[in-house]
């Protein structure tokens, strides 16, 4: 009974987490583009890159959560290998974005 409930609920939660990640990317992209246009017009500085990187990192976290939940419903080792590769790639992406944000912040502080 519990196994059936997990099989029914888990895919729904996975899709919701994926959707949240997509929505965060869309909203973050629109907001960054808007700030970019405003910066061009007003010539004021606004940390667009940092804010957009934060949106991407947050979206990756939601998508990574969905991938982790997928491990519950994996049926074969081949699926597990693919899922593990996706998880590793998304974790590397999140690390690179954090590293880029940190480097950008440090360069702003020293200038």
PDB file of N, CA and C in Angstrom:
ATOM      1  N   UNK A   1       0.817  -1.197   0.000  1.00  0.00           N
ATOM      2  CA  UNK A   1       0.000   0.000   0.000  1.00  0.00           C
ATOM      3  C   UNK A   1       0.862   1.263   0.000  1.00  0.00           C
ATOM      4  N   UNK A   2       1.857   1.320   0.891  1.00  0.00           N
ATOM      5  CA  UNK A   2       2.738   2.478   0.944  1.00  0.00           C
ATOM      6  C   UNK A   2       3.560   2.598  -0.338  1.00  0.00           C
ATOM      7  N   UNK A   3       3.978   1.461  -0.881  1.00  0.00           N
ATOM      8  CA  UNK A   3       4.731   1.464  -2.136  1.00  0.00           C
ATOM      9  C   UNK A   3       3.909   2.046  -3.273  1.00  0.00           C
ATOM     10  N   UNK A   4       2.637   1.704  -3.303  1.00  0.00           N
ATOM     11  CA  UNK A   4       1.748   2.240  -4.350  1.00  0.00           C
ATOM     12  C   UNK A   4       1.567   3.749  -4.179  1.00  0.00           C
ATOM     13  N   UNK A   5       1.404   4.197  -2.946  1.00  0.00           N
ATOM     14  CA  UNK A   5       1.257   5.626  -2.668  1.00  0.00           C
ATOM     15  C   UNK A   5       2.505   6.388  -3.114  1.00  0.00           C
ATOM     16  N   UNK A   6       3.675   5.830  -2.822  1.00  0.00           N
ATOM     17  CA  UNK A   6       4.929   6.471  -3.236  1.00  0.00           C
ATOM     18  C   UNK A   6       5.007   6.537  -4.756  1.00  0.00           C
ATOM     19  N   UNK A   7       4.615   5.472  -5.448  1.00  0.00           N
ATOM     20  CA  UNK A   7       4.645   5.452  -6.911  1.00  0.00           C
ATOM     21  C   UNK A   7       3.687   6.465  -7.521  1.00  0.00           C
ATOM     22  N   UNK A   8       2.601   6.771  -6.837  1.00  0.00           N
ATOM     23  CA  UNK A   8       1.622   7.733  -7.357  1.00  0.00           C
ATOM     24  C   UNK A   8       2.032   9.171  -7.030  1.00  0.00           C
ATOM     25  N   UNK A   9       2.461   9.418  -5.795  1.00  0.00           N
ATOM     26  CA  UNK A   9       2.738  10.786  -5.340  1.00  0.00           C
ATOM     27  C   UNK A   9       4.103  11.298  -5.820  1.00  0.00           C
ATOM     28  N   UNK A  10       5.109  10.445  -5.826  1.00  0.00           N
ATOM     29  CA  UNK A  10       6.470  10.882  -6.167  1.00  0.00           C
ATOM     30  C   UNK A  10       6.560  11.532  -7.546  1.00  0.00           C
ATOM     31  N   UNK A  11       5.996  10.945  -8.617  1.00  0.00           N
ATOM     32  CA  UNK A  11       6.079  11.626  -9.921  1.00  0.00           C
ATOM     33  C   UNK A  11       5.423  13.008  -9.929  1.00  0.00           C
ATOM     34  N   UNK A  12       4.350  13.168  -9.188  1.00  0.00           N
ATOM     35  CA  UNK A  12       3.681  14.476  -9.119  1.00  0.00           C
ATOM     36  C   UNK A  12       4.596  15.492  -8.449  1.00  0.00           C
ATOM     37  N   UNK A  13       5.209  15.100  -7.339  1.00  0.00           N
ATOM     38  CA  UNK A  13       6.125  16.001  -6.629  1.00  0.00           C
ATOM     39  C   UNK A  13       7.344  16.311  -7.501  1.00  0.00           C
ATOM     40  N   UNK A  14       7.846  15.308  -8.215  1.00  0.00           N
ATOM     41  CA  UNK A  14       8.993  15.515  -9.110  1.00  0.00           C
ATOM     42  C   UNK A  14       8.643  16.562 -10.167  1.00  0.00           C
ATOM     43  N   UNK A  15       7.476  16.420 -10.789  1.00  0.00           N
ATOM     44  CA  UNK A  15       7.060  17.374 -11.817  1.00  0.00           C
ATOM     45  C   UNK A  15       6.863  18.774 -11.236  1.00  0.00           C
ATOM     46  N   UNK A  16       6.330  18.862 -10.023  1.00  0.00           N
ATOM     47  CA  UNK A  16       6.167  20.166  -9.383  1.00  0.00           C
ATOM     48  C   UNK A  16       7.520  20.833  -9.108  1.00  0.00           C
ATOM     49  N   UNK A  17       8.477  20.060  -8.614  1.00  0.00           N
ATOM     50  CA  UNK A  17       9.808  20.611  -8.366  1.00  0.00           C
ATOM     51  C   UNK A  17      10.475  21.070  -9.664  1.00  0.00           C
ATOM     52  N   UNK A  18      10.324  20.268 -10.717  1.00  0.00           N
ATOM     53  CA  UNK A  18      10.884  20.651 -12.023  1.00  0.00           C
ATOM     54  C   UNK A  18      10.217  21.936 -12.519  1.00  0.00           C
ATOM     55  N   UNK A  19       8.909  22.034 -12.362  1.00  0.00           N
ATOM     56  CA  UNK A  19       8.168  23.222 -12.786  1.00  0.00           C
ATOM     57  C   UNK A  19       8.610  24.451 -11.997  1.00  0.00           C
ATOM     58  N   UNK A  20       8.810  24.285 -10.688  1.00  0.00           N
ATOM     59  CA  UNK A  20       9.283  25.411  -9.877  1.00  0.00           C
ATOM     60  C   UNK A  20      10.647  25.886 -10.354  1.00  0.00           C
ATOM     61  N   UNK A  21      11.537  24.954 -10.672  1.00  0.00           N
ATOM     62  CA  UNK A  21      12.848  25.317 -11.191  1.00  0.00           C
ATOM     63  C   UNK A  21      12.754  26.081 -12.507  1.00  0.00           C
ATOM     64  N   UNK A  22      11.882  25.620 -13.378  1.00  0.00           N
ATOM     65  CA  UNK A  22      11.684  26.296 -14.665  1.00  0.00           C
ATOM     66  C   UNK A  22      11.127  27.697 -14.461  1.00  0.00           C
ATOM     67  N   UNK A  23      10.146  27.824 -13.576  1.00  0.00           N
ATOM     68  CA  UNK A  23       9.554  29.140 -13.310  1.00  0.00           C
ATOM     69  C   UNK A  23      10.576  30.110 -12.716  1.00  0.00           C
ATOM     70  N   UNK A  24      11.435  29.608 -11.843  1.00  0.00           N
ATOM     71  CA  UNK A  24      12.470  30.460 -11.250  1.00  0.00           C
ATOM     72  C   UNK A  24      13.426  30.948 -12.335  1.00  0.00           C
ATOM     73  N   UNK A  25      13.785  30.083 -13.259  1.00  0.00           N
ATOM     74  CA  UNK A  25      14.668  30.487 -14.359  1.00  0.00           C
ATOM     75  C   UNK A  25      13.988  31.542 -15.228  1.00  0.00           C
ATOM     76  N   UNK A  26      12.719  31.333 -15.540  1.00  0.00           N
ATOM     77  CA  UNK A  26      11.990  32.288 -16.384  1.00  0.00           C
ATOM     78  C   UNK A  26      11.894  33.648 -15.698  1.00  0.00           C
ATOM     79  N   UNK A  27      11.463  33.658 -14.440  1.00  0.00           N
ATOM     80  CA  UNK A  27      11.319  34.924 -13.706  1.00  0.00           C
ATOM     81  C   UNK A  27      12.676  35.605 -13.542  1.00  0.00           C
ATOM     82  N   UNK A  28      13.707  34.831 -13.194  1.00  0.00           N
ATOM     83  CA  UNK A  28      15.042  35.395 -13.040  1.00  0.00           C
ATOM     84  C   UNK A  28      15.572  35.975 -14.343  1.00  0.00           C
ATOM     85  N   UNK A  29      15.288  35.309 -15.450  1.00  0.00           N
ATOM     86  CA  UNK A  29      15.736  35.803 -16.763  1.00  0.00           C
ATOM     87  C   UNK A  29      15.040  37.099 -17.135  1.00  0.00           C
ATOM     88  N   UNK A  30      13.745  37.138 -16.932  1.00  0.00           N
ATOM     89  CA  UNK A  30      12.992  38.357 -17.253  1.00  0.00           C
ATOM     90  C   UNK A  30      13.456  39.515 -16.381  1.00  0.00           C
ATOM     91  N   UNK A  31      13.641  39.242 -15.097  1.00  0.00           N
ATOM     92  CA  UNK A  31      14.088  40.286 -14.173  1.00  0.00           C
ATOM     93  C   UNK A  31      15.490  40.779 -14.543  1.00  0.00           C
ATOM     94  N   UNK A  32      16.393  39.860 -14.882  1.00  0.00           N
ATOM     95  CA  UNK A  32      17.756  40.250 -15.262  1.00  0.00           C
ATOM     96  C   UNK A  32      17.744  41.063 -16.547  1.00  0.00           C
ATOM     97  N   UNK A  33      16.919  40.670 -17.499  1.00  0.00           N
ATOM     98  CA  UNK A  33      16.845  41.423 -18.752  1.00  0.00           C
ATOM     99  C   UNK A  33      16.280  42.819 -18.517  1.00  0.00           C
ATOM    100  N   UNK A  34      15.263  42.909 -17.670  1.00  0.00           N
ATOM    101  CA  UNK A  34      14.694  44.209 -17.328  1.00  0.00           C
ATOM    102  C   UNK A  34      15.751  45.101 -16.679  1.00  0.00           C
ATOM    103  N   UNK A  35      16.501  44.542 -15.715  1.00  0.00           N
ATOM    104  CA  UNK A  35      17.556  45.312 -15.047  1.00  0.00           C
ATOM    105  C   UNK A  35      18.646  45.734 -16.031  1.00  0.00           C
ATOM    106  N   UNK A  36      18.942  44.858 -17.002  1.00  0.00           N
ATOM    107  CA  UNK A  36      19.932  45.172 -18.021  1.00  0.00           C
ATOM    108  C   UNK A  36      19.497  46.387 -18.838  1.00  0.00           C
ATOM    109  N   UNK A  37      18.235  46.400 -19.255  1.00  0.00           N
ATOM    110  CA  UNK A  37      17.710  47.526 -20.034  1.00  0.00           C
ATOM    111  C   UNK A  37      17.739  48.806 -19.195  1.00  0.00           C
ATOM    112  N   UNK A  38      17.307  48.719 -17.941  1.00  0.00           N
ATOM    113  CA  UNK A  38      17.316  49.884 -17.051  1.00  0.00           C
ATOM    114  C   UNK A  38      18.740  50.393 -16.864  1.00  0.00           C
ATOM    115  N   UNK A  39      19.714  49.477 -16.685  1.00  0.00           N
ATOM    116  CA  UNK A  39      21.117  49.886 -16.543  1.00  0.00           C
ATOM    117  C   UNK A  39      21.617  50.608 -17.786  1.00  0.00           C
ATOM    118  N   UNK A  40      21.214  50.141 -18.947  1.00  0.00           N
ATOM    119  CA  UNK A  40      21.653  50.795 -20.184  1.00  0.00           C
ATOM    120  C   UNK A  40      21.080  52.208 -20.302  1.00  0.00           C
ATOM    121  N   UNK A  41      19.837  52.369 -19.900  1.00  0.00           N
ATOM    122  CA  UNK A  41      19.177  53.668 -20.029  1.00  0.00           C
ATOM    123  C   UNK A  41      19.679  54.658 -18.972  1.00  0.00           C
ATOM    124  N   UNK A  42      19.738  54.210 -17.726  1.00  0.00           N
ATOM    125  CA  UNK A  42      20.089  55.119 -16.619  1.00  0.00           C
ATOM    126  C   UNK A  42      21.582  55.200 -16.343  1.00  0.00           C
ATOM    127  N   UNK A  43      22.351  54.266 -16.874  1.00  0.00           N
ATOM    128  CA  UNK A  43      23.804  54.200 -16.644  1.00  0.00           C
ATOM    129  C   UNK A  43      24.149  53.979 -15.172  1.00  0.00           C
ATOM    130  N   UNK A  44      23.201  53.430 -14.412  1.00  0.00           N
ATOM    131  CA  UNK A  44      23.451  53.085 -13.010  1.00  0.00           C
ATOM    132  C   UNK A  44      23.901  51.629 -12.934  1.00  0.00           C
ATOM    133  N   UNK A  45      24.670  51.334 -11.898  1.00  0.00           N
ATOM    134  CA  UNK A  45      25.142  49.964 -11.698  1.00  0.00           C
ATOM    135  C   UNK A  45      24.127  49.186 -10.876  1.00  0.00           C
ATOM    136  N   UNK A  46      23.812  48.000 -11.334  1.00  0.00           N
ATOM    137  CA  UNK A  46      22.986  47.065 -10.572  1.00  0.00           C
ATOM    138  C   UNK A  46      23.595  45.684 -10.784  1.00  0.00           C
ATOM    139  N   UNK A  47      23.777  44.912  -9.729  1.00  0.00           N
ATOM    140  CA  UNK A  47      24.466  43.613  -9.860  1.00  0.00           C
ATOM    141  C   UNK A  47      23.594  42.546 -10.550  1.00  0.00           C
ATOM    142  N   UNK A  48      23.398  42.726 -11.840  1.00  0.00           N
ATOM    143  CA  UNK A  48      22.539  41.817 -12.608  1.00  0.00           C
ATOM    144  C   UNK A  48      23.100  40.403 -12.604  1.00  0.00           C
ATOM    145  N   UNK A  49      24.380  40.302 -12.841  1.00  0.00           N
ATOM    146  CA  UNK A  49      25.012  38.988 -12.962  1.00  0.00           C
ATOM    147  C   UNK A  49      24.853  38.175 -11.677  1.00  0.00           C
ATOM    148  N   UNK A  50      25.045  38.824 -10.553  1.00  0.00           N
ATOM    149  CA  UNK A  50      24.937  38.129  -9.264  1.00  0.00           C
ATOM    150  C   UNK A  50      23.499  37.694  -9.011  1.00  0.00           C
ATOM    151  N   UNK A  51      22.569  38.581  -9.266  1.00  0.00           N
ATOM    152  CA  UNK A  51      21.163  38.258  -9.040  1.00  0.00           C
ATOM    153  C   UNK A  51      20.696  37.127  -9.960  1.00  0.00           C
ATOM    154  N   UNK A  52      21.119  37.179 -11.218  1.00  0.00           N
ATOM    155  CA  UNK A  52      20.733  36.129 -12.161  1.00  0.00           C
ATOM    156  C   UNK A  52      21.372  34.799 -11.772  1.00  0.00           C
ATOM    157  N   UNK A  53      22.628  34.836 -11.337  1.00  0.00           N
ATOM    158  CA  UNK A  53      23.304  33.617 -10.896  1.00  0.00           C
ATOM    159  C   UNK A  53      22.595  33.010  -9.679  1.00  0.00           C
ATOM    160  N   UNK A  54      22.108  33.862  -8.784  1.00  0.00           N
ATOM    161  CA  UNK A  54      21.356  33.359  -7.631  1.00  0.00           C
ATOM    162  C   UNK A  54      20.070  32.668  -8.076  1.00  0.00           C
ATOM    163  N   UNK A  55      19.400  33.219  -9.083  1.00  0.00           N
ATOM    164  CA  UNK A  55      18.188  32.593  -9.613  1.00  0.00           C
ATOM    165  C   UNK A  55      18.509  31.230 -10.216  1.00  0.00           C
ATOM    166  N   UNK A  56      19.591  31.180 -10.984  1.00  0.00           N
ATOM    167  CA  UNK A  56      19.973  29.914 -11.606  1.00  0.00           C
ATOM    168  C   UNK A  56      20.352  28.872 -10.561  1.00  0.00           C
ATOM    169  N   UNK A  57      21.058  29.313  -9.534  1.00  0.00           N
ATOM    170  CA  UNK A  57      21.442  28.386  -8.470  1.00  0.00           C
ATOM    171  C   UNK A  57      20.214  27.849  -7.746  1.00  0.00           C
ATOM    172  N   UNK A  58      19.279  28.720  -7.430  1.00  0.00           N
ATOM    173  CA  UNK A  58      18.058  28.283  -6.758  1.00  0.00           C
ATOM    174  C   UNK A  58      17.269  27.317  -7.640  1.00  0.00           C
ATOM    175  N   UNK A  59      17.170  27.632  -8.925  1.00  0.00           N
ATOM    176  CA  UNK A  59      16.464  26.743  -9.853  1.00  0.00           C
ATOM    177  C   UNK A  59      17.151  25.384  -9.928  1.00  0.00           C
ATOM    178  N   UNK A  60      18.475  25.393  -9.954  1.00  0.00           N
ATOM    179  CA  UNK A  60      19.212  24.126  -9.981  1.00  0.00           C
ATOM    180  C   UNK A  60      18.958  23.301  -8.728  1.00  0.00           C
ATOM    181  N   UNK A  61      18.817  23.966  -7.598  1.00  0.00           N
ATOM    182  CA  UNK A  61      18.536  23.246  -6.348  1.00  0.00           C
ATOM    183  C   UNK A  61      17.179  22.532  -6.421  1.00  0.00           C
ATOM    184  N   UNK A  62      16.178  23.211  -6.965  1.00  0.00           N
ATOM    185  CA  UNK A  62      14.868  22.575  -7.125  1.00  0.00           C
ATOM    186  C   UNK A  62      14.958  21.401  -8.083  1.00  0.00           C
ATOM    187  N   UNK A  63      15.660  21.585  -9.183  1.00  0.00           N
ATOM    188  CA  UNK A  63      15.789  20.526 -10.174  1.00  0.00           C
ATOM    189  C   UNK A  63      16.616  19.357  -9.629  1.00  0.00           C
ATOM    190  N   UNK A  64      17.614  19.674  -8.809  1.00  0.00           N
ATOM    191  CA  UNK A  64      18.409  18.630  -8.173  1.00  0.00           C
ATOM    192  C   UNK A  64      17.553  17.842  -7.179  1.00  0.00           C
ATOM    193  N   UNK A  65      16.691  18.542  -6.462  1.00  0.00           N
ATOM    194  CA  UNK A  65      15.762  17.859  -5.555  1.00  0.00           C
ATOM    195  C   UNK A  65      14.867  16.891  -6.307  1.00  0.00           C
ATOM    196  N   UNK A  66      14.405  17.299  -7.483  1.00  0.00           N
ATOM    197  CA  UNK A  66      13.577  16.417  -8.311  1.00  0.00           C
ATOM    198  C   UNK A  66      14.371  15.191  -8.743  1.00  0.00           C
ATOM    199  N   UNK A  67      15.623  15.391  -9.116  1.00  0.00           N
ATOM    200  CA  UNK A  67      16.462  14.263  -9.539  1.00  0.00           C
ATOM    201  C   UNK A  67      16.693  13.290  -8.381  1.00  0.00           C
ATOM    202  N   UNK A  68      16.895  13.829  -7.195  1.00  0.00           N
ATOM    203  CA  UNK A  68      17.094  12.963  -6.028  1.00  0.00           C
ATOM    204  C   UNK A  68      15.834  12.146  -5.749  1.00  0.00           C
ATOM    205  N   UNK A  69      14.674  12.780  -5.881  1.00  0.00           N
ATOM    206  CA  UNK A  69      13.426  12.040  -5.693  1.00  0.00           C
ATOM    207  C   UNK A  69      13.242  10.949  -6.749  1.00  0.00           C
ATOM    208  N   UNK A  70      13.777  11.170  -7.927  1.00  0.00           N
ATOM    209  CA  UNK A  70      13.662  10.161  -8.986  1.00  0.00           C
ATOM    210  C   UNK A  70      14.356   8.867  -8.603  1.00  0.00           C
ATOM    211  N   UNK A  71      15.341   8.946  -7.691  1.00  0.00           N
ATOM    212  CA  UNK A  71      16.033   7.722  -7.269  1.00  0.00           C
ATOM    213  C   UNK A  71      15.080   6.761  -6.559  1.00  0.00           C
ATOM    214  N   UNK A  72      13.985   7.288  -6.022  1.00  0.00           N
ATOM    215  CA  UNK A  72      13.012   6.441  -5.328  1.00  0.00           C
ATOM    216  C   UNK A  72      12.277   5.532  -6.298  1.00  0.00           C
ATOM    217  N   UNK A  73      12.063   6.003  -7.522  1.00  0.00           N
ATOM    218  CA  UNK A  73      11.252   5.240  -8.467  1.00  0.00           C
ATOM    219  C   UNK A  73      12.061   4.609  -9.608  1.00  0.00           C
ATOM    220  N   UNK A  74      13.386   4.581  -9.478  1.00  0.00           N
ATOM    221  CA  UNK A  74      14.238   3.978 -10.510  1.00  0.00           C
ATOM    222  C   UNK A  74      14.036   2.472 -10.513  1.00  0.00           C
ATOM    223  N   UNK A  75      13.943   1.914 -11.706  1.00  0.00           N
ATOM    224  CA  UNK A  75      13.669   0.479 -11.846  1.00  0.00           C
ATOM    225  C   UNK A  75      14.896  -0.348 -12.239  1.00  0.00           C
ATOM    226  N   UNK A  76      15.907   0.267 -12.860  1.00  0.00           N
ATOM    227  CA  UNK A  76      17.065  -0.510 -13.301  1.00  0.00           C
ATOM    228  C   UNK A  76      18.360   0.243 -12.991  1.00  0.00           C
ATOM    229  N   UNK A  77      19.458  -0.482 -13.049  1.00  0.00           N
ATOM    230  CA  UNK A  77      20.757   0.133 -12.792  1.00  0.00           C
ATOM    231  C   UNK A  77      21.141   1.109 -13.904  1.00  0.00           C
ATOM    232  N   UNK A  78      20.719   0.829 -15.142  1.00  0.00           N
ATOM    233  CA  UNK A  78      21.002   1.764 -16.237  1.00  0.00           C
ATOM    234  C   UNK A  78      20.369   3.119 -15.961  1.00  0.00           C
ATOM    235  N   UNK A  79      19.123   3.116 -15.485  1.00  0.00           N
ATOM    236  CA  UNK A  79      18.452   4.371 -15.126  1.00  0.00           C
ATOM    237  C   UNK A  79      19.193   5.055 -13.979  1.00  0.00           C
ATOM    238  N   UNK A  80      19.692   4.266 -13.041  1.00  0.00           N
ATOM    239  CA  UNK A  80      20.411   4.823 -11.892  1.00  0.00           C
ATOM    240  C   UNK A  80      21.709   5.490 -12.333  1.00  0.00           C
ATOM    241  N   UNK A  81      22.421   4.886 -13.282  1.00  0.00           N
ATOM    242  CA  UNK A  81      23.661   5.483 -13.789  1.00  0.00           C
ATOM    243  C   UNK A  81      23.375   6.820 -14.469  1.00  0.00           C
ATOM    244  N   UNK A  82      22.334   6.858 -15.292  1.00  0.00           N
ATOM    245  CA  UNK A  82      21.962   8.095 -15.974  1.00  0.00           C
ATOM    246  C   UNK A  82      21.575   9.154 -14.952  1.00  0.00           C
ATOM    247  N   UNK A  83      20.780   8.762 -13.971  1.00  0.00           N
ATOM    248  CA  UNK A  83      20.343   9.678 -12.923  1.00  0.00           C
ATOM    249  C   UNK A  83      21.535  10.192 -12.111  1.00  0.00           C
ATOM    250  N   UNK A  84      22.462   9.314 -11.799  1.00  0.00           N
ATOM    251  CA  UNK A  84      23.659   9.725 -11.049  1.00  0.00           C
ATOM    252  C   UNK A  84      24.475  10.733 -11.858  1.00  0.00           C
ATOM    253  N   UNK A  85      24.598  10.493 -13.160  1.00  0.00           N
ATOM    254  CA  UNK A  85      25.341  11.427 -14.014  1.00  0.00           C
ATOM    255  C   UNK A  85      24.657  12.789 -14.043  1.00  0.00           C
ATOM    256  N   UNK A  86      23.332  12.808 -14.133  1.00  0.00           N
ATOM    257  CA  UNK A  86      22.579  14.064 -14.136  1.00  0.00           C
ATOM    258  C   UNK A  86      22.771  14.798 -12.815  1.00  0.00           C
ATOM    259  N   UNK A  87      22.700  14.077 -11.710  1.00  0.00           N
ATOM    260  CA  UNK A  87      22.882  14.689 -10.396  1.00  0.00           C
ATOM    261  C   UNK A  87      24.283  15.288 -10.270  1.00  0.00           C
ATOM    262  N   UNK A  88      25.287  14.563 -10.713  1.00  0.00           N
ATOM    263  CA  UNK A  88      26.662  15.061 -10.641  1.00  0.00           C
ATOM    264  C   UNK A  88      26.818  16.311 -11.510  1.00  0.00           C
ATOM    265  N   UNK A  89      26.279  16.289 -12.725  1.00  0.00           N
ATOM    266  CA  UNK A  89      26.378  17.452 -13.612  1.00  0.00           C
ATOM    267  C   UNK A  89      25.679  18.671 -13.032  1.00  0.00           C
ATOM    268  N   UNK A  90      24.505  18.484 -12.462  1.00  0.00           N
ATOM    269  CA  UNK A  90      23.787  19.615 -11.870  1.00  0.00           C
ATOM    270  C   UNK A  90      24.510  20.142 -10.636  1.00  0.00           C
ATOM    271  N   UNK A  91      25.102  19.250  -9.855  1.00  0.00           N
ATOM    272  CA  UNK A  91      25.869  19.698  -8.687  1.00  0.00           C
ATOM    273  C   UNK A  91      27.103  20.491  -9.130  1.00  0.00           C
ATOM    274  N   UNK A  92      27.752  20.029 -10.195  1.00  0.00           N
ATOM    275  CA  UNK A  92      28.913  20.763 -10.723  1.00  0.00           C
ATOM    276  C   UNK A  92      28.477  22.133 -11.229  1.00  0.00           C
ATOM    277  N   UNK A  93      27.359  22.187 -11.934  1.00  0.00           N
ATOM    278  CA  UNK A  93      26.841  23.478 -12.408  1.00  0.00           C
ATOM    279  C   UNK A  93      26.574  24.427 -11.254  1.00  0.00           C
ATOM    280  N   UNK A  94      25.951  23.928 -10.196  1.00  0.00           N
ATOM    281  CA  UNK A  94      25.669  24.767  -9.028  1.00  0.00           C
ATOM    282  C   UNK A  94      26.969  25.266  -8.414  1.00  0.00           C
ATOM    283  N   UNK A  95      27.977  24.392  -8.320  1.00  0.00           N
ATOM    284  CA  UNK A  95      29.272  24.789  -7.771  1.00  0.00           C
ATOM    285  C   UNK A  95      29.926  25.863  -8.626  1.00  0.00           C
ATOM    286  N   UNK A  96      29.901  25.680  -9.942  1.00  0.00           N
ATOM    287  CA  UNK A  96      30.517  26.652 -10.851  1.00  0.00           C
ATOM    288  C   UNK A  96      29.822  28.008 -10.748  1.00  0.00           C
ATOM    289  N   UNK A  97      28.506  27.998 -10.664  1.00  0.00           N
ATOM    290  CA  UNK A  97      27.765  29.264 -10.538  1.00  0.00           C
ATOM    291  C   UNK A  97      28.112  29.949  -9.222  1.00  0.00           C
ATOM    292  N   UNK A  98      28.183  29.174  -8.120  1.00  0.00           N
ATOM    293  CA  UNK A  98      28.586  29.761  -6.828  1.00  0.00           C
ATOM    294  C   UNK A  98      29.989  30.341  -6.919  1.00  0.00           C
ATOM    295  N   UNK A  99      30.901  29.625  -7.547  1.00  0.00           N
ATOM    296  CA  UNK A  99      32.278  30.072  -7.686  1.00  0.00           C
ATOM    297  C   UNK A  99      32.341  31.363  -8.506  1.00  0.00           C
ATOM    298  N   UNK A 100      31.574  31.399  -9.583  1.00  0.00           N
ATOM    299  CA  UNK A 100      31.521  32.588 -10.437  1.00  0.00           C
ATOM    300  C   UNK A 100      30.965  33.789  -9.661  1.00  0.00           C
ATOM    301  N   UNK A 101      29.915  33.563  -8.875  1.00  0.00           N
ATOM    302  CA  UNK A 101      29.340  34.644  -8.069  1.00  0.00           C
ATOM    303  C   UNK A 101      30.356  35.166  -7.063  1.00  0.00           C
ATOM    304  N   UNK A 102      31.055  34.244  -6.413  1.00  0.00           N
ATOM    305  CA  UNK A 102      32.044  34.644  -5.411  1.00  0.00           C
ATOM    306  C   UNK A 102      33.166  35.444  -6.059  1.00  0.00           C
ATOM    307  N   UNK A 103      33.643  34.990  -7.214  1.00  0.00           N
ATOM    308  CA  UNK A 103      34.710  35.702  -7.921  1.00  0.00           C
ATOM    309  C   UNK A 103      34.232  37.083  -8.361  1.00  0.00           C
ATOM    310  N   UNK A 104      33.001  37.179  -8.822  1.00  0.00           N
ATOM    311  CA  UNK A 104      32.453  38.464  -9.256  1.00  0.00           C
ATOM    312  C   UNK A 104      32.314  39.425  -8.075  1.00  0.00           C
ATOM    313  N   UNK A 105      31.844  38.910  -6.944  1.00  0.00           N
ATOM    314  CA  UNK A 105      31.723  39.753  -5.744  1.00  0.00           C
ATOM    315  C   UNK A 105      33.084  40.246  -5.275  1.00  0.00           C
ATOM    316  N   UNK A 106      34.072  39.370  -5.282  1.00  0.00           N
ATOM    317  CA  UNK A 106      35.418  39.758  -4.844  1.00  0.00           C
ATOM    318  C   UNK A 106      36.015  40.811  -5.778  1.00  0.00           C
ATOM    319  N   UNK A 107      35.756  40.666  -7.077  1.00  0.00           N
ATOM    320  CA  UNK A 107      36.294  41.660  -8.011  1.00  0.00           C
ATOM    321  C   UNK A 107      35.604  43.026  -7.823  1.00  0.00           C
ATOM    322  N   UNK A 108      34.323  43.015  -7.453  1.00  0.00           N
ATOM    323  CA  UNK A 108      33.611  44.268  -7.192  1.00  0.00           C
ATOM    324  C   UNK A 108      34.144  44.946  -5.939  1.00  0.00           C
ATOM    325  N   UNK A 109      34.499  44.138  -4.936  1.00  0.00           N
ATOM    326  CA  UNK A 109      35.011  44.679  -3.668  1.00  0.00           C
ATOM    327  C   UNK A 109      36.383  45.312  -3.877  1.00  0.00           C
ATOM    328  N   UNK A 110      37.238  44.675  -4.679  1.00  0.00           N
ATOM    329  CA  UNK A 110      38.592  45.177  -4.895  1.00  0.00           C
ATOM    330  C   UNK A 110      38.661  46.357  -5.852  1.00  0.00           C
ATOM    331  N   UNK A 111      37.588  46.606  -6.587  1.00  0.00           N
ATOM    332  CA  UNK A 111      37.579  47.742  -7.532  1.00  0.00           C
ATOM    333  C   UNK A 111      37.005  48.970  -6.927  1.00  0.00           C
TER     334      UNK A 111
END
